[in-house]
Every structure is written in structure tokens, then in C-alpha cells.
């Protein structure tokens, strides 16, 4: 498992960062522009105003779709790890759908700050789980690597047989 993590962490980090930048980056740029138009406007205020009614829940739901595909492509893992990953995926998905259902039109002051905070926790938590799914993905050796490993195994057979015979 650690071997997969060492091999896959860069690709996993790149994919998750692309998601974070894609979902939050453009909103931050817009918030930056809007904050400059308002006298004494703060970027953080403009940024958070966009998400105050639970809109981040839409990003949680879309990330869940990508995570489901990643889980399905992942291959065989330890059963306990697989169950934990699926639970880490399904529980936030259902809770997010429920919270969005409370305020489907994203109207002002319908959701409590606790629910909005929970959506943000799901957003970042699912990105972390997604990273783990990608990082722990089993690596399949290329044909060259598999051939080299087989060649080494065959070449090493006489030496191992000699050791057994002693």
C-alpha cells in the first residue's frame, strides 16, 4: 500500500488540486474583482458571500460523481479499506443532498451557519478521500517493467536453487 502511495501521490495531488482550483479558483478571481469595485471591500467577504446559502454543496455532489468513478476503477483493496472509503464517500453525499434539499433555491438565511460549515467540511474532506483513493490505486507495471522483472526472476533461479541445495 505504501508503495502505491509513493508512486501515485504526485498524480493524485495534481488531480485534486485541479479540482480545488477549478471549483474555487474562478470564484476567488470574481470575488477579487468585485472587492476592488466596492470601497473597502474585502476579498474574503466577497468570496464567502457566494457560498453563504450552500452553493458549495453543488461542488460536493459533482466531486462525489468523480469519486465514485475513481472507486469503481480502483480495483481490489483490503475489504475494510474499501468499506471505509465507500462510507467516507456515501455519508457526505447523502448529508449534502439532504442539506441542499432544505434550501434548493439557495435563498438567503435559510441554512444555518452550521449546515454551511458542514458542507465546507464535506467539500474538503471528500477531496482528501479522493486523494487517498487516487494515491492508493494499484500500479500496473508497463510491459517493459513486467518483462524486466520476469527476466530478473528467471536469471536469479539458478542462484536460488544453489542456495536451497546447500
C-alpha atoms as a PDB file:
ATOM      1  CA  UNK A   1       0.000   0.000   0.000  1.00  0.00           C
ATOM      2  CA  UNK A   2       2.829   2.418   0.848  1.00  0.00           C
ATOM      3  CA  UNK A   3       4.484   1.522  -2.442  1.00  0.00           C
ATOM      4  CA  UNK A   4       1.378   2.719  -4.317  1.00  0.00           C
ATOM      5  CA  UNK A   5       1.301   5.895  -2.256  1.00  0.00           C
ATOM      6  CA  UNK A   6       4.932   6.675  -3.116  1.00  0.00           C
ATOM      7  CA  UNK A   7       4.301   6.094  -6.823  1.00  0.00           C
ATOM      8  CA  UNK A   8       0.941   7.842  -7.144  1.00  0.00           C
ATOM      9  CA  UNK A   9       0.997  10.844  -4.807  1.00  0.00           C
ATOM     10  CA  UNK A  10       2.092  13.414  -7.413  1.00  0.00           C
ATOM     11  CA  UNK A  11      -0.579  12.430  -9.920  1.00  0.00           C
ATOM     12  CA  UNK A  12      -3.212  12.264  -7.165  1.00  0.00           C
ATOM     13  CA  UNK A  13      -2.227  15.667  -5.790  1.00  0.00           C
ATOM     14  CA  UNK A  14      -2.311  17.200  -9.270  1.00  0.00           C
ATOM     15  CA  UNK A  15      -5.809  15.893  -9.941  1.00  0.00           C
ATOM     16  CA  UNK A  16      -7.189  17.013  -6.579  1.00  0.00           C
ATOM     17  CA  UNK A  17      -5.560  20.453  -6.841  1.00  0.00           C
ATOM     18  CA  UNK A  18      -7.070  20.854 -10.309  1.00  0.00           C
ATOM     19  CA  UNK A  19     -10.481  20.198  -8.784  1.00  0.00           C
ATOM     20  CA  UNK A  20      -9.914  22.666  -5.958  1.00  0.00           C
ATOM     21  CA  UNK A  21      -8.693  25.357  -8.324  1.00  0.00           C
ATOM     22  CA  UNK A  22     -11.462  24.619 -10.814  1.00  0.00           C
ATOM     23  CA  UNK A  23     -14.243  24.835  -8.253  1.00  0.00           C
ATOM     24  CA  UNK A  24     -12.935  27.645  -6.049  1.00  0.00           C
ATOM     25  CA  UNK A  25     -10.363  29.465  -8.166  1.00  0.00           C
ATOM     26  CA  UNK A  26     -12.742  31.192 -10.557  1.00  0.00           C
ATOM     27  CA  UNK A  27     -14.981  32.284  -7.678  1.00  0.00           C
ATOM     28  CA  UNK A  28     -11.935  33.729  -5.927  1.00  0.00           C
ATOM     29  CA  UNK A  29     -10.966  35.674  -9.070  1.00  0.00           C
ATOM     30  CA  UNK A  30     -14.504  37.052  -9.359  1.00  0.00           C
ATOM     31  CA  UNK A  31     -14.510  37.909  -5.633  1.00  0.00           C
ATOM     32  CA  UNK A  32     -11.196  39.703  -6.068  1.00  0.00           C
ATOM     33  CA  UNK A  33     -12.586  41.801  -8.927  1.00  0.00           C
ATOM     34  CA  UNK A  34     -15.809  42.574  -7.030  1.00  0.00           C
ATOM     35  CA  UNK A  35     -13.920  43.518  -3.866  1.00  0.00           C
ATOM     36  CA  UNK A  36     -11.917  46.097  -5.824  1.00  0.00           C
ATOM     37  CA  UNK A  37     -15.134  47.726  -7.072  1.00  0.00           C
ATOM     38  CA  UNK A  38     -16.511  48.153  -3.548  1.00  0.00           C
ATOM     39  CA  UNK A  39     -14.886  50.761  -1.350  1.00  0.00           C
ATOM     40  CA  UNK A  40     -13.007  48.945   1.423  1.00  0.00           C
ATOM     41  CA  UNK A  41     -14.259  45.635   0.061  1.00  0.00           C
ATOM     42  CA  UNK A  42     -12.591  42.502   1.294  1.00  0.00           C
ATOM     43  CA  UNK A  43     -11.893  39.545  -0.955  1.00  0.00           C
ATOM     44  CA  UNK A  44     -12.887  37.083   1.771  1.00  0.00           C
ATOM     45  CA  UNK A  45     -16.264  38.782   2.269  1.00  0.00           C
ATOM     46  CA  UNK A  46     -16.997  38.753  -1.450  1.00  0.00           C
ATOM     47  CA  UNK A  47     -15.840  35.159  -1.711  1.00  0.00           C
ATOM     48  CA  UNK A  48     -17.878  33.846   1.221  1.00  0.00           C
ATOM     49  CA  UNK A  49     -20.985  35.768   0.099  1.00  0.00           C
ATOM     50  CA  UNK A  50     -21.189  33.493  -2.931  1.00  0.00           C
ATOM     51  CA  UNK A  51     -21.330  30.359  -0.772  1.00  0.00           C
ATOM     52  CA  UNK A  52     -23.440  31.631   2.170  1.00  0.00           C
ATOM     53  CA  UNK A  53     -26.589  29.842   1.032  1.00  0.00           C
ATOM     54  CA  UNK A  54     -24.987  26.435   0.494  1.00  0.00           C
ATOM     55  CA  UNK A  55     -23.871  26.595  -3.139  1.00  0.00           C
ATOM     56  CA  UNK A  56     -20.688  24.697  -2.239  1.00  0.00           C
ATOM     57  CA  UNK A  57     -22.968  21.675  -1.911  1.00  0.00           C
ATOM     58  CA  UNK A  58     -23.201  21.527  -5.700  1.00  0.00           C
ATOM     59  CA  UNK A  59     -19.434  21.094  -5.858  1.00  0.00           C
ATOM     60  CA  UNK A  60     -19.666  18.362  -3.216  1.00  0.00           C
ATOM     61  CA  UNK A  61     -22.193  16.495  -5.341  1.00  0.00           C
ATOM     62  CA  UNK A  62     -20.114  16.817  -8.518  1.00  0.00           C
ATOM     63  CA  UNK A  63     -16.947  15.686  -6.725  1.00  0.00           C
ATOM     64  CA  UNK A  64     -18.899  12.690  -5.434  1.00  0.00           C
ATOM     65  CA  UNK A  65     -19.562  11.603  -9.002  1.00  0.00           C
ATOM     66  CA  UNK A  66     -15.875  11.713  -9.850  1.00  0.00           C
ATOM     67  CA  UNK A  67     -15.001   9.901  -6.633  1.00  0.00           C
ATOM     68  CA  UNK A  68     -17.493   7.146  -7.413  1.00  0.00           C
ATOM     69  CA  UNK A  69     -15.794   6.596 -10.775  1.00  0.00           C
ATOM     70  CA  UNK A  70     -12.394   6.550  -9.068  1.00  0.00           C
ATOM     71  CA  UNK A  71     -13.633   3.984  -6.544  1.00  0.00           C
ATOM     72  CA  UNK A  72     -15.092   1.795  -9.297  1.00  0.00           C
ATOM     73  CA  UNK A  73     -11.835   1.906 -11.297  1.00  0.00           C
ATOM     74  CA  UNK A  74      -9.671   1.390  -8.231  1.00  0.00           C
ATOM     75  CA  UNK A  75      -9.574  -2.362  -8.239  1.00  0.00           C
ATOM     76  CA  UNK A  76      -9.394  -4.744  -5.327  1.00  0.00           C
ATOM     77  CA  UNK A  77      -8.362  -3.324  -1.974  1.00  0.00           C
ATOM     78  CA  UNK A  78      -8.453  -4.683   1.514  1.00  0.00           C
ATOM     79  CA  UNK A  79     -12.156  -5.185   2.326  1.00  0.00           C
ATOM     80  CA  UNK A  80     -12.033  -2.966   5.402  1.00  0.00           C
ATOM     81  CA  UNK A  81     -10.300  -0.154   3.491  1.00  0.00           C
ATOM     82  CA  UNK A  82     -12.870  -0.454   0.688  1.00  0.00           C
ATOM     83  CA  UNK A  83     -15.778  -0.254   3.141  1.00  0.00           C
ATOM     84  CA  UNK A  84     -14.257   2.772   4.885  1.00  0.00           C
ATOM     85  CA  UNK A  85     -13.671   4.548   1.553  1.00  0.00           C
ATOM     86  CA  UNK A  86     -17.239   3.880   0.412  1.00  0.00           C
ATOM     87  CA  UNK A  87     -18.613   5.125   3.753  1.00  0.00           C
ATOM     88  CA  UNK A  88     -16.425   8.240   3.537  1.00  0.00           C
ATOM     89  CA  UNK A  89     -17.985   8.787   0.130  1.00  0.00           C
ATOM     90  CA  UNK A  90     -21.644   7.869   0.753  1.00  0.00           C
ATOM     91  CA  UNK A  91     -22.278   9.549   4.118  1.00  0.00           C
ATOM     92  CA  UNK A  92     -21.239  13.070   2.989  1.00  0.00           C
ATOM     93  CA  UNK A  93     -23.087  12.570  -0.302  1.00  0.00           C
ATOM     94  CA  UNK A  94     -26.393  11.760   1.413  1.00  0.00           C
ATOM     95  CA  UNK A  95     -25.941  14.513   4.016  1.00  0.00           C
ATOM     96  CA  UNK A  96     -25.122  17.068   1.298  1.00  0.00           C
ATOM     97  CA  UNK A  97     -28.187  16.084  -0.721  1.00  0.00           C
ATOM     98  CA  UNK A  98     -30.303  16.497   2.416  1.00  0.00           C
ATOM     99  CA  UNK A  99     -28.821  19.936   3.230  1.00  0.00           C
ATOM    100  CA  UNK A 100     -29.321  21.145  -0.345  1.00  0.00           C
ATOM    101  CA  UNK A 101     -32.873  19.804  -0.151  1.00  0.00           C
ATOM    102  CA  UNK A 102     -33.508  22.167   2.783  1.00  0.00           C
ATOM    103  CA  UNK A 103     -32.660  25.140   0.550  1.00  0.00           C
ATOM    104  CA  UNK A 104     -32.904  24.040  -3.101  1.00  0.00           C
ATOM    105  CA  UNK A 105     -33.185  27.619  -4.384  1.00  0.00           C
ATOM    106  CA  UNK A 106     -30.189  28.825  -2.354  1.00  0.00           C
ATOM    107  CA  UNK A 107     -32.282  31.534  -0.750  1.00  0.00           C
ATOM    108  CA  UNK A 108     -30.759  33.830   1.849  1.00  0.00           C
ATOM    109  CA  UNK A 109     -30.784  32.901   5.529  1.00  0.00           C
ATOM    110  CA  UNK A 110     -32.468  29.502   5.134  1.00  0.00           C
ATOM    111  CA  UNK A 111     -29.463  27.358   6.068  1.00  0.00           C
ATOM    112  CA  UNK A 112     -27.798  27.709   9.426  1.00  0.00           C
ATOM    113  CA  UNK A 113     -24.120  28.520   9.578  1.00  0.00           C
ATOM    114  CA  UNK A 114     -23.626  25.001  10.973  1.00  0.00           C
ATOM    115  CA  UNK A 115     -25.036  23.446   7.793  1.00  0.00           C
ATOM    116  CA  UNK A 116     -22.931  25.693   5.566  1.00  0.00           C
ATOM    117  CA  UNK A 117     -19.860  24.840   7.650  1.00  0.00           C
ATOM    118  CA  UNK A 118     -20.704  21.148   7.343  1.00  0.00           C
ATOM    119  CA  UNK A 119     -20.864  21.477   3.551  1.00  0.00           C
ATOM    120  CA  UNK A 120     -17.391  23.031   3.562  1.00  0.00           C
ATOM    121  CA  UNK A 121     -16.102  20.175   5.723  1.00  0.00           C
ATOM    122  CA  UNK A 122     -17.605  17.677   3.276  1.00  0.00           C
ATOM    123  CA  UNK A 123     -16.038  19.558   0.375  1.00  0.00           C
ATOM    124  CA  UNK A 124     -12.510  19.421   1.783  1.00  0.00           C
ATOM    125  CA  UNK A 125     -12.980  16.008   3.379  1.00  0.00           C
ATOM    126  CA  UNK A 126     -14.094  14.454   0.100  1.00  0.00           C
ATOM    127  CA  UNK A 127     -11.088  15.963  -1.630  1.00  0.00           C
ATOM    128  CA  UNK A 128      -8.879  14.288   0.960  1.00  0.00           C
ATOM    129  CA  UNK A 129     -10.635  10.941   0.468  1.00  0.00           C
ATOM    130  CA  UNK A 130     -10.384  11.386  -3.310  1.00  0.00           C
ATOM    131  CA  UNK A 131      -6.652  11.990  -2.933  1.00  0.00           C
ATOM    132  CA  UNK A 132      -6.314   8.784  -0.899  1.00  0.00           C
ATOM    133  CA  UNK A 133      -8.283   6.795  -3.474  1.00  0.00           C
ATOM    134  CA  UNK A 134      -6.013   8.024  -6.263  1.00  0.00           C
ATOM    135  CA  UNK A 135      -2.820   7.679  -4.237  1.00  0.00           C
ATOM    136  CA  UNK A 136      -3.585   4.124  -3.123  1.00  0.00           C
ATOM    137  CA  UNK A 137      -4.532   2.992  -6.615  1.00  0.00           C
ATOM    138  CA  UNK A 138      -2.599  -0.144  -7.505  1.00  0.00           C
ATOM    139  CA  UNK A 139       0.030   0.499 -10.142  1.00  0.00           C
ATOM    140  CA  UNK A 140       0.176  -1.794 -13.118  1.00  0.00           C
ATOM    141  CA  UNK A 141       3.696  -2.209 -14.440  1.00  0.00           C
ATOM    142  CA  UNK A 142       4.367  -1.384 -18.065  1.00  0.00           C
ATOM    143  CA  UNK A 143       5.222  -4.234 -20.414  1.00  0.00           C
ATOM    144  CA  UNK A 144       8.894  -3.267 -20.212  1.00  0.00           C
ATOM    145  CA  UNK A 145       8.856  -3.308 -16.398  1.00  0.00           C
ATOM    146  CA  UNK A 146       6.998  -6.628 -16.280  1.00  0.00           C
ATOM    147  CA  UNK A 147       9.425  -8.136 -18.810  1.00  0.00           C
ATOM    148  CA  UNK A 148      12.450  -6.915 -16.868  1.00  0.00           C
ATOM    149  CA  UNK A 149      11.056  -8.303 -13.605  1.00  0.00           C
ATOM    150  CA  UNK A 150      10.394 -11.688 -15.230  1.00  0.00           C
ATOM    151  CA  UNK A 151      13.872 -11.718 -16.777  1.00  0.00           C
ATOM    152  CA  UNK A 152      15.419 -10.975 -13.360  1.00  0.00           C
ATOM    153  CA  UNK A 153      13.354 -13.737 -11.771  1.00  0.00           C
ATOM    154  CA  UNK A 154      14.480 -16.289 -14.365  1.00  0.00           C
ATOM    155  CA  UNK A 155      18.108 -15.168 -14.198  1.00  0.00           C
ATOM    156  CA  UNK A 156      18.064 -15.461 -10.407  1.00  0.00           C
ATOM    157  CA  UNK A 157      16.602 -19.008 -10.372  1.00  0.00           C
ATOM    158  CA  UNK A 158      19.929 -20.925 -10.571  1.00  0.00           C
ATOM    159  CA  UNK A 159      21.366 -18.905  -7.666  1.00  0.00           C
ATOM    160  CA  UNK A 160      18.290 -19.560  -5.501  1.00  0.00           C
ATOM    161  CA  UNK A 161      18.361 -23.264  -6.424  1.00  0.00           C
ATOM    162  CA  UNK A 162      22.012 -23.433  -5.400  1.00  0.00           C
ATOM    163  CA  UNK A 163      21.206 -21.864  -2.038  1.00  0.00           C
ATOM    164  CA  UNK A 164      18.420 -24.355  -1.424  1.00  0.00           C
ATOM    165  CA  UNK A 165      20.734 -27.248  -2.247  1.00  0.00           C
ATOM    166  CA  UNK A 166      23.299 -26.231   0.380  1.00  0.00           C
END
